[in-house]
Amino acid sequence: MNYYSLHTLLFIMFICFSCTNETVEQYAPTPLALKTPKLFSENIIAPVIPSNNPQTVEGVRLGKKLFFDPILSGNNTQACASCHSPKNAFTDTSRFSNGIDGRLGLRNAMPLFNLAWNYNERFFWDGKSFSLEHQAFIPVTDPLEMKSTWPM
């Protein structure tokens, strides 16, 4: 065999043996039941969990990671937890929350507790958001809060 034929044959063999028949693993999220206090489950109607967005172990893990990760802000310094601090009942102690680059917001960050029982599905002090999913977009793109871009 000449030099080029040998290299061509080796190249073809390499291509053939590097291809595999692996099957792609299907995503199978792990359902997560919301744990409610006995007082709630006996005296209050069920929490609002959207049927098109059920709670999963993986979804909760991702949500927690994103909540504490400043990478969603325009300069990678401001996380949701910067204003919604767990040590302050998921809010802050200022009259006006501090946003990106030290900018002062227009109001105090709302506390984030019992939102699963938000039956009218309005979020923010003025009710401007119609769902928890929609609410997540607003602070990320607000120029005073996180000043980032996030296509809707």
C-alpha atoms as a PDB file:
ATOM      1  CA  MET A   1       0.000   0.000   0.000  1.00  0.00           C
ATOM      2  CA  ASN A   2       1.186   3.435  -0.667  1.00  0.00           C
ATOM      3  CA  TYR A   3       1.524   6.101   2.015  1.00  0.00           C
ATOM      4  CA  TYR A   4      -1.771   7.928   1.222  1.00  0.00           C
ATOM      5  CA  SER A   5      -3.851   4.741   1.030  1.00  0.00           C
ATOM      6  CA  LEU A   6      -2.611   3.630   4.435  1.00  0.00           C
ATOM      7  CA  HIS A   7      -3.460   6.984   6.010  1.00  0.00           C
ATOM      8  CA  THR A   8      -6.864   7.022   4.337  1.00  0.00           C
ATOM      9  CA  LEU A   9      -7.591   3.507   5.585  1.00  0.00           C
ATOM     10  CA  LEU A  10      -6.475   4.411   9.112  1.00  0.00           C
ATOM     11  CA  PHE A  11      -8.615   7.551   9.043  1.00  0.00           C
ATOM     12  CA  ILE A  12     -11.702   5.606   7.921  1.00  0.00           C
ATOM     13  CA  MET A  13     -11.101   2.971  10.597  1.00  0.00           C
ATOM     14  CA  PHE A  14     -10.720   5.699  13.215  1.00  0.00           C
ATOM     15  CA  ILE A  15     -14.028   7.264  12.167  1.00  0.00           C
ATOM     16  CA  CYS A  16     -15.823   3.901  12.204  1.00  0.00           C
ATOM     17  CA  PHE A  17     -14.547   2.877  15.618  1.00  0.00           C
ATOM     18  CA  SER A  18     -15.099   6.260  17.211  1.00  0.00           C
ATOM     19  CA  CYS A  19     -18.813   6.164  16.405  1.00  0.00           C
ATOM     20  CA  THR A  20     -20.936   4.504  19.050  1.00  0.00           C
ATOM     21  CA  ASN A  21     -24.501   3.419  19.361  1.00  0.00           C
ATOM     22  CA  GLU A  22     -25.042   4.972  22.781  1.00  0.00           C
ATOM     23  CA  THR A  23     -28.599   5.737  23.678  1.00  0.00           C
ATOM     24  CA  VAL A  24     -29.324   9.156  25.083  1.00  0.00           C
ATOM     25  CA  GLU A  25     -30.567   8.959  28.642  1.00  0.00           C
ATOM     26  CA  GLN A  26     -34.082  10.339  28.952  1.00  0.00           C
ATOM     27  CA  TYR A  27     -34.689  13.003  31.573  1.00  0.00           C
ATOM     28  CA  ALA A  28     -36.865  11.556  34.318  1.00  0.00           C
ATOM     29  CA  PRO A  29     -37.388  14.162  37.038  1.00  0.00           C
ATOM     30  CA  THR A  30     -37.938  12.999  40.599  1.00  0.00           C
ATOM     31  CA  PRO A  31     -41.310  14.232  41.922  1.00  0.00           C
ATOM     32  CA  LEU A  32     -41.156  16.181  45.175  1.00  0.00           C
ATOM     33  CA  ALA A  33     -44.190  16.446  47.404  1.00  0.00           C
ATOM     34  CA  LEU A  34     -44.519  19.735  49.246  1.00  0.00           C
ATOM     35  CA  LYS A  35     -44.238  19.155  52.979  1.00  0.00           C
ATOM     36  CA  THR A  36     -46.872  21.217  54.728  1.00  0.00           C
ATOM     37  CA  PRO A  37     -47.344  21.664  58.458  1.00  0.00           C
ATOM     38  CA  LYS A  38     -50.244  19.684  59.912  1.00  0.00           C
ATOM     39  CA  LEU A  39     -52.027  22.920  60.821  1.00  0.00           C
ATOM     40  CA  PHE A  40     -51.935  23.960  57.157  1.00  0.00           C
ATOM     41  CA  SER A  41     -53.012  20.622  55.722  1.00  0.00           C
ATOM     42  CA  GLU A  42     -55.969  20.365  58.116  1.00  0.00           C
ATOM     43  CA  ASN A  43     -57.210  23.962  57.988  1.00  0.00           C
ATOM     44  CA  ILE A  44     -56.072  25.561  54.744  1.00  0.00           C
ATOM     45  CA  ILE A  45     -56.739  24.570  51.160  1.00  0.00           C
ATOM     46  CA  ALA A  46     -53.949  22.992  49.137  1.00  0.00           C
ATOM     47  CA  PRO A  47     -51.029  25.088  47.873  1.00  0.00           C
ATOM     48  CA  VAL A  48     -50.968  26.398  44.311  1.00  0.00           C
ATOM     49  CA  ILE A  49     -48.608  24.202  42.266  1.00  0.00           C
ATOM     50  CA  PRO A  50     -48.935  24.808  38.495  1.00  0.00           C
ATOM     51  CA  SER A  51     -49.870  21.602  36.661  1.00  0.00           C
ATOM     52  CA  ASN A  52     -47.450  22.478  33.846  1.00  0.00           C
ATOM     53  CA  ASN A  53     -44.571  22.988  36.308  1.00  0.00           C
ATOM     54  CA  PRO A  54     -44.719  20.300  39.004  1.00  0.00           C
ATOM     55  CA  GLN A  55     -42.255  20.310  41.874  1.00  0.00           C
ATOM     56  CA  THR A  56     -39.267  18.045  41.371  1.00  0.00           C
ATOM     57  CA  VAL A  57     -36.107  17.384  43.353  1.00  0.00           C
ATOM     58  CA  GLU A  58     -34.037  18.618  40.409  1.00  0.00           C
ATOM     59  CA  GLY A  59     -36.168  21.749  39.949  1.00  0.00           C
ATOM     60  CA  VAL A  60     -35.886  22.712  43.609  1.00  0.00           C
ATOM     61  CA  ARG A  61     -32.126  22.126  43.513  1.00  0.00           C
ATOM     62  CA  LEU A  62     -31.795  24.318  40.399  1.00  0.00           C
ATOM     63  CA  GLY A  63     -34.016  27.021  41.886  1.00  0.00           C
ATOM     64  CA  LYS A  64     -31.933  27.160  45.049  1.00  0.00           C
ATOM     65  CA  LYS A  65     -28.713  27.373  43.044  1.00  0.00           C
ATOM     66  CA  LEU A  66     -30.057  30.207  40.879  1.00  0.00           C
ATOM     67  CA  PHE A  67     -31.486  32.051  43.909  1.00  0.00           C
ATOM     68  CA  PHE A  68     -28.063  32.285  45.547  1.00  0.00           C
ATOM     69  CA  ASP A  69     -25.971  32.689  42.363  1.00  0.00           C
ATOM     70  CA  PRO A  70     -25.020  36.264  41.386  1.00  0.00           C
ATOM     71  CA  ILE A  71     -24.294  35.222  37.795  1.00  0.00           C
ATOM     72  CA  LEU A  72     -27.822  36.254  36.771  1.00  0.00           C
ATOM     73  CA  SER A  73     -27.013  39.917  37.416  1.00  0.00           C
ATOM     74  CA  GLY A  74     -25.448  42.190  34.839  1.00  0.00           C
ATOM     75  CA  ASN A  75     -22.096  42.383  36.641  1.00  0.00           C
ATOM     76  CA  ASN A  76     -22.202  39.019  38.485  1.00  0.00           C
ATOM     77  CA  THR A  77     -22.489  40.621  41.938  1.00  0.00           C
ATOM     78  CA  GLN A  78     -26.207  40.597  42.779  1.00  0.00           C
ATOM     79  CA  ALA A  79     -28.165  37.417  43.585  1.00  0.00           C
ATOM     80  CA  CYS A  80     -31.835  37.130  44.504  1.00  0.00           C
ATOM     81  CA  ALA A  81     -30.638  36.321  48.033  1.00  0.00           C
ATOM     82  CA  SER A  82     -28.822  39.666  48.162  1.00  0.00           C
ATOM     83  CA  CYS A  83     -32.175  41.313  48.919  1.00  0.00           C
ATOM     84  CA  HIS A  84     -34.270  38.279  49.891  1.00  0.00           C
ATOM     85  CA  SER A  85     -31.976  37.186  52.706  1.00  0.00           C
ATOM     86  CA  PRO A  86     -32.861  33.915  54.460  1.00  0.00           C
ATOM     87  CA  LYS A  87     -31.660  35.349  57.775  1.00  0.00           C
ATOM     88  CA  ASN A  88     -34.243  38.165  57.449  1.00  0.00           C
ATOM     89  CA  ALA A  89     -37.293  36.041  56.529  1.00  0.00           C
ATOM     90  CA  PHE A  90     -36.292  36.241  52.850  1.00  0.00           C
ATOM     91  CA  THR A  91     -36.460  40.028  52.704  1.00  0.00           C
ATOM     92  CA  ASP A  92     -34.099  42.802  53.737  1.00  0.00           C
ATOM     93  CA  THR A  93     -34.179  45.244  56.608  1.00  0.00           C
ATOM     94  CA  SER A  94     -33.948  48.426  54.543  1.00  0.00           C
ATOM     95  CA  ARG A  95     -36.826  50.665  53.557  1.00  0.00           C
ATOM     96  CA  PHE A  96     -35.504  50.557  49.990  1.00  0.00           C
ATOM     97  CA  SER A  97     -33.514  47.562  48.768  1.00  0.00           C
ATOM     98  CA  ASN A  98     -30.005  48.017  47.408  1.00  0.00           C
ATOM     99  CA  GLY A  99     -29.673  46.862  43.832  1.00  0.00           C
ATOM    100  CA  ILE A 100     -26.817  46.455  41.390  1.00  0.00           C
ATOM    101  CA  ASP A 101     -23.890  48.873  41.617  1.00  0.00           C
ATOM    102  CA  GLY A 102     -25.259  50.164  44.950  1.00  0.00           C
ATOM    103  CA  ARG A 103     -28.342  51.641  43.276  1.00  0.00           C
ATOM    104  CA  LEU A 104     -31.267  52.203  45.582  1.00  0.00           C
ATOM    105  CA  GLY A 105     -34.484  50.453  44.609  1.00  0.00           C
ATOM    106  CA  LEU A 106     -37.953  51.957  44.699  1.00  0.00           C
ATOM    107  CA  ARG A 107     -39.228  49.789  47.582  1.00  0.00           C
ATOM    108  CA  ASN A 108     -38.340  47.087  50.079  1.00  0.00           C
ATOM    109  CA  ALA A 109     -37.915  43.531  48.803  1.00  0.00           C
ATOM    110  CA  MET A 110     -41.056  41.514  49.525  1.00  0.00           C
ATOM    111  CA  PRO A 111     -40.648  38.610  51.915  1.00  0.00           C
ATOM    112  CA  LEU A 112     -40.752  35.254  50.170  1.00  0.00           C
ATOM    113  CA  PHE A 113     -42.689  32.990  52.476  1.00  0.00           C
ATOM    114  CA  ASN A 114     -45.929  31.072  51.947  1.00  0.00           C
ATOM    115  CA  LEU A 115     -45.952  31.921  48.233  1.00  0.00           C
ATOM    116  CA  ALA A 116     -47.315  28.446  47.504  1.00  0.00           C
ATOM    117  CA  TRP A 117     -50.596  29.720  48.978  1.00  0.00           C
ATOM    118  CA  ASN A 118     -50.770  32.810  46.757  1.00  0.00           C
ATOM    119  CA  TYR A 119     -54.231  32.033  45.349  1.00  0.00           C
ATOM    120  CA  ASN A 120     -54.709  35.259  43.412  1.00  0.00           C
ATOM    121  CA  GLU A 121     -51.322  34.663  41.730  1.00  0.00           C
ATOM    122  CA  ARG A 122     -50.208  38.268  41.956  1.00  0.00           C
ATOM    123  CA  PHE A 123     -46.640  39.034  42.949  1.00  0.00           C
ATOM    124  CA  PHE A 124     -44.773  42.184  44.032  1.00  0.00           C
ATOM    125  CA  TRP A 125     -46.228  44.853  46.274  1.00  0.00           C
ATOM    126  CA  ASP A 126     -48.341  46.207  43.411  1.00  0.00           C
ATOM    127  CA  GLY A 127     -49.386  42.798  42.023  1.00  0.00           C
ATOM    128  CA  LYS A 128     -47.793  43.516  38.628  1.00  0.00           C
ATOM    129  CA  SER A 129     -46.767  39.915  38.004  1.00  0.00           C
ATOM    130  CA  PHE A 130     -49.300  37.194  37.203  1.00  0.00           C
ATOM    131  CA  SER A 131     -47.295  34.051  38.021  1.00  0.00           C
ATOM    132  CA  LEU A 132     -44.256  32.897  39.915  1.00  0.00           C
ATOM    133  CA  GLU A 133     -42.570  32.059  36.608  1.00  0.00           C
ATOM    134  CA  HIS A 134     -43.261  35.552  35.219  1.00  0.00           C
ATOM    135  CA  GLN A 135     -42.108  37.147  38.476  1.00  0.00           C
ATOM    136  CA  ALA A 136     -38.644  35.624  38.088  1.00  0.00           C
ATOM    137  CA  PHE A 137     -37.976  37.659  34.923  1.00  0.00           C
ATOM    138  CA  ILE A 138     -38.725  41.099  36.347  1.00  0.00           C
ATOM    139  CA  PRO A 139     -35.936  41.619  38.937  1.00  0.00           C
ATOM    140  CA  VAL A 140     -33.296  40.080  36.676  1.00  0.00           C
ATOM    141  CA  THR A 141     -33.981  42.577  33.890  1.00  0.00           C
ATOM    142  CA  ASP A 142     -34.753  45.603  36.086  1.00  0.00           C
ATOM    143  CA  PRO A 143     -31.971  48.226  35.693  1.00  0.00           C
ATOM    144  CA  LEU A 144     -32.070  49.051  39.427  1.00  0.00           C
ATOM    145  CA  GLU A 145     -32.148  45.483  40.720  1.00  0.00           C
ATOM    146  CA  MET A 146     -30.007  43.087  38.676  1.00  0.00           C
ATOM    147  CA  LYS A 147     -29.629  44.866  35.306  1.00  0.00           C
ATOM    148  CA  SER A 148     -29.252  41.801  33.140  1.00  0.00           C
ATOM    149  CA  THR A 149     -30.710  40.596  29.893  1.00  0.00           C
ATOM    150  CA  TRP A 150     -32.881  37.529  29.854  1.00  0.00           C
ATOM    151  CA  PRO A 151     -34.931  36.787  26.747  1.00  0.00           C
ATOM    152  CA  MET A 152     -38.580  36.109  27.495  1.00  0.00           C
END
